[in-house]
Amino acid sequence: MFKQLRSWWMVFVHALGKVQTTILLSVVYHIAVGPLALFSKVTGGDILDLRSTAEPSYAKKLARISSNLEQAEKQF
């Protein structure tokens, strides 16, 4: 009897979990991503830095790193 009850319960809980997950993730998406996208459109910002540039590569130049023994010993 308990095995049958448990199997029905697991089917119900699995279906309930799918519904709850869909609703919660939809709410979080619309609360977090929607206003961020709207703010980005209004301000003209480029959060992901995707605008094309005239440079041939997306790699960014790093500052010159001096290589002396004292800096190598004290990295942090």
N, C-alpha and C. Protein backbone atom coordinates (compact mmCIF):
# COMPACT_ATOMS: atom_id res chain seq x y z
N MET A 1 0.81 -1.19 0.00
CA MET A 1 0.00 0.00 0.00
C MET A 1 0.87 1.27 0.00
N PHE A 2 1.91 1.25 0.82
CA PHE A 2 2.77 2.44 0.91
C PHE A 2 3.59 2.66 -0.36
N LYS A 3 3.94 1.58 -1.05
CA LYS A 3 4.68 1.73 -2.29
C LYS A 3 3.83 2.42 -3.35
N GLN A 4 2.56 2.05 -3.42
CA GLN A 4 1.66 2.68 -4.38
C GLN A 4 1.44 4.15 -4.03
N LEU A 5 1.25 4.44 -2.74
CA LEU A 5 1.07 5.81 -2.28
C LEU A 5 2.31 6.66 -2.57
N ARG A 6 3.48 6.07 -2.33
CA ARG A 6 4.74 6.78 -2.58
C ARG A 6 4.90 7.07 -4.08
N SER A 7 4.56 6.14 -4.93
CA SER A 7 4.72 6.37 -6.37
C SER A 7 3.76 7.47 -6.85
N TRP A 8 2.53 7.50 -6.35
CA TRP A 8 1.62 8.58 -6.70
C TRP A 8 2.13 9.92 -6.18
N TRP A 9 2.66 9.89 -4.96
CA TRP A 9 3.19 11.11 -4.36
C TRP A 9 4.36 11.65 -5.19
N MET A 10 5.24 10.78 -5.62
CA MET A 10 6.41 11.22 -6.40
C MET A 10 5.99 11.80 -7.75
N VAL A 11 4.98 11.26 -8.38
CA VAL A 11 4.48 11.81 -9.64
C VAL A 11 3.92 13.21 -9.39
N PHE A 12 3.13 13.35 -8.33
CA PHE A 12 2.55 14.65 -7.99
C PHE A 12 3.63 15.68 -7.67
N VAL A 13 4.60 15.29 -6.86
CA VAL A 13 5.66 16.22 -6.46
C VAL A 13 6.52 16.61 -7.66
N HIS A 14 6.77 15.70 -8.54
CA HIS A 14 7.57 16.01 -9.73
C HIS A 14 6.84 17.04 -10.61
N ALA A 15 5.54 16.84 -10.80
CA ALA A 15 4.76 17.79 -11.60
C ALA A 15 4.70 19.15 -10.91
N LEU A 16 4.51 19.16 -9.60
CA LEU A 16 4.48 20.41 -8.85
C LEU A 16 5.82 21.14 -8.93
N GLY A 17 6.90 20.40 -8.87
CA GLY A 17 8.23 21.00 -8.98
C GLY A 17 8.46 21.65 -10.32
N LYS A 18 8.00 21.02 -11.39
CA LYS A 18 8.14 21.61 -12.72
C LYS A 18 7.37 22.93 -12.83
N VAL A 19 6.15 22.94 -12.29
CA VAL A 19 5.34 24.16 -12.34
C VAL A 19 5.98 25.26 -11.51
N GLN A 20 6.40 24.94 -10.30
CA GLN A 20 7.01 25.95 -9.44
C GLN A 20 8.30 26.50 -10.04
N THR A 21 9.12 25.64 -10.58
CA THR A 21 10.38 26.08 -11.17
C THR A 21 10.12 27.02 -12.35
N THR A 22 9.18 26.68 -13.18
CA THR A 22 8.87 27.52 -14.33
C THR A 22 8.38 28.89 -13.89
N ILE A 23 7.49 28.91 -12.91
CA ILE A 23 6.96 30.19 -12.43
C ILE A 23 8.04 31.02 -11.76
N LEU A 24 8.81 30.41 -10.87
CA LEU A 24 9.84 31.16 -10.14
C LEU A 24 10.92 31.70 -11.08
N LEU A 25 11.38 30.89 -12.01
CA LEU A 25 12.41 31.36 -12.93
C LEU A 25 11.89 32.45 -13.86
N SER A 26 10.63 32.35 -14.25
CA SER A 26 10.05 33.40 -15.09
C SER A 26 9.96 34.72 -14.33
N VAL A 27 9.54 34.65 -13.09
CA VAL A 27 9.44 35.87 -12.27
C VAL A 27 10.82 36.49 -12.06
N VAL A 28 11.79 35.68 -11.71
CA VAL A 28 13.15 36.21 -11.49
C VAL A 28 13.71 36.81 -12.76
N TYR A 29 13.47 36.16 -13.90
CA TYR A 29 13.97 36.67 -15.17
C TYR A 29 13.36 38.04 -15.48
N HIS A 30 12.06 38.17 -15.30
CA HIS A 30 11.40 39.42 -15.64
C HIS A 30 11.70 40.53 -14.64
N ILE A 31 12.02 40.18 -13.42
CA ILE A 31 12.37 41.20 -12.42
C ILE A 31 13.81 41.65 -12.59
N ALA A 32 14.72 40.74 -12.91
CA ALA A 32 16.13 41.08 -12.98
C ALA A 32 16.56 41.54 -14.38
N VAL A 33 16.22 40.79 -15.39
CA VAL A 33 16.73 41.07 -16.74
C VAL A 33 15.96 42.20 -17.42
N GLY A 34 14.65 42.25 -17.22
CA GLY A 34 13.84 43.28 -17.87
C GLY A 34 14.27 44.70 -17.52
N PRO A 35 14.32 45.06 -16.24
CA PRO A 35 14.76 46.42 -15.89
C PRO A 35 16.20 46.71 -16.30
N LEU A 36 17.07 45.71 -16.24
CA LEU A 36 18.45 45.92 -16.66
C LEU A 36 18.52 46.23 -18.15
N ALA A 37 17.76 45.52 -18.96
CA ALA A 37 17.74 45.79 -20.40
C ALA A 37 17.13 47.16 -20.69
N LEU A 38 16.08 47.49 -19.99
CA LEU A 38 15.44 48.80 -20.18
C LEU A 38 16.40 49.93 -19.79
N PHE A 39 17.08 49.78 -18.67
CA PHE A 39 18.06 50.77 -18.23
C PHE A 39 19.19 50.91 -19.25
N SER A 40 19.64 49.79 -19.79
CA SER A 40 20.71 49.82 -20.78
C SER A 40 20.26 50.53 -22.05
N LYS A 41 19.03 50.28 -22.48
CA LYS A 41 18.51 50.95 -23.68
C LYS A 41 18.37 52.45 -23.47
N VAL A 42 17.88 52.85 -22.30
CA VAL A 42 17.65 54.27 -22.03
C VAL A 42 18.97 55.02 -21.93
N THR A 43 19.94 54.45 -21.24
CA THR A 43 21.22 55.14 -21.04
C THR A 43 22.17 54.96 -22.21
N GLY A 44 21.89 54.01 -23.09
CA GLY A 44 22.78 53.78 -24.23
C GLY A 44 24.04 53.03 -23.84
N GLY A 45 24.03 52.40 -22.69
CA GLY A 45 25.20 51.66 -22.21
C GLY A 45 25.37 50.34 -22.93
N ASP A 46 26.58 49.84 -22.88
CA ASP A 46 26.90 48.55 -23.47
C ASP A 46 27.50 47.69 -22.38
N ILE A 47 26.66 46.98 -21.65
CA ILE A 47 27.09 46.24 -20.47
C ILE A 47 28.11 45.16 -20.81
N LEU A 48 27.90 44.46 -21.91
CA LEU A 48 28.80 43.37 -22.29
C LEU A 48 29.94 43.83 -23.20
N ASP A 49 30.02 45.11 -23.48
CA ASP A 49 31.07 45.67 -24.32
C ASP A 49 31.10 44.97 -25.68
N LEU A 50 29.94 44.92 -26.35
CA LEU A 50 29.82 44.22 -27.62
C LEU A 50 29.88 45.13 -28.83
N ARG A 51 29.91 46.41 -28.64
CA ARG A 51 29.93 47.32 -29.79
C ARG A 51 31.21 47.11 -30.58
N SER A 52 31.08 47.14 -31.87
CA SER A 52 32.24 46.91 -32.71
C SER A 52 33.17 48.12 -32.69
N THR A 53 34.42 47.86 -32.76
CA THR A 53 35.43 48.91 -32.79
C THR A 53 36.21 48.80 -34.09
N ALA A 54 37.02 49.79 -34.34
CA ALA A 54 37.83 49.78 -35.55
C ALA A 54 39.07 48.89 -35.41
N GLU A 55 39.29 48.40 -34.20
CA GLU A 55 40.47 47.55 -33.98
C GLU A 55 40.25 46.17 -34.61
N PRO A 56 41.32 45.56 -35.12
CA PRO A 56 41.17 44.25 -35.78
C PRO A 56 40.96 43.09 -34.80
N SER A 57 41.17 43.30 -33.52
CA SER A 57 41.07 42.21 -32.55
C SER A 57 40.33 42.68 -31.31
N TYR A 58 39.68 41.75 -30.63
CA TYR A 58 39.01 42.06 -29.39
C TYR A 58 39.94 41.96 -28.18
N ALA A 59 41.14 41.49 -28.38
CA ALA A 59 42.11 41.36 -27.29
C ALA A 59 42.49 42.75 -26.78
N LYS A 60 42.59 42.87 -25.48
CA LYS A 60 42.94 44.15 -24.88
C LYS A 60 44.41 44.13 -24.47
N LYS A 61 45.07 45.24 -24.69
CA LYS A 61 46.49 45.35 -24.34
C LYS A 61 46.63 45.44 -22.82
N LEU A 62 47.56 44.71 -22.28
CA LEU A 62 47.84 44.74 -20.86
C LEU A 62 49.01 45.67 -20.58
N ALA A 63 49.06 46.17 -19.36
CA ALA A 63 50.17 47.02 -18.96
C ALA A 63 51.44 46.18 -18.92
N ARG A 64 52.55 46.80 -19.17
CA ARG A 64 53.83 46.10 -19.17
C ARG A 64 54.14 45.59 -17.77
N ILE A 65 54.50 44.32 -17.69
CA ILE A 65 54.82 43.72 -16.41
C ILE A 65 56.34 43.66 -16.28
N SER A 66 56.83 44.29 -15.22
CA SER A 66 58.27 44.24 -15.00
C SER A 66 58.60 42.90 -14.37
N SER A 67 59.69 42.34 -14.77
CA SER A 67 60.05 41.01 -14.28
C SER A 67 61.35 41.09 -13.48
N ASN A 68 61.20 41.45 -12.23
CA ASN A 68 62.37 41.39 -11.37
C ASN A 68 62.09 40.39 -10.25
N LEU A 69 63.10 39.94 -9.60
CA LEU A 69 62.99 38.88 -8.60
C LEU A 69 62.17 39.32 -7.39
N GLU A 70 62.27 40.58 -7.02
CA GLU A 70 61.54 41.07 -5.85
C GLU A 70 60.02 40.98 -6.06
N GLN A 71 59.54 41.35 -7.23
CA GLN A 71 58.10 41.27 -7.51
C GLN A 71 57.64 39.82 -7.65
N ALA A 72 58.52 38.95 -8.15
CA ALA A 72 58.16 37.55 -8.29
C ALA A 72 57.99 36.88 -6.94
N GLU A 73 58.77 37.32 -5.94
CA GLU A 73 58.67 36.73 -4.60
C GLU A 73 57.44 37.23 -3.86
N LYS A 74 57.02 38.45 -4.13
CA LYS A 74 55.87 39.04 -3.42
C LYS A 74 54.74 39.28 -4.42
N GLN A 75 54.07 38.21 -4.83
CA GLN A 75 53.03 38.32 -5.83
C GLN A 75 51.72 38.85 -5.25
N PHE A 76 51.45 38.56 -4.00
CA PHE A 76 50.16 38.94 -3.42
C PHE A 76 50.33 39.91 -2.29
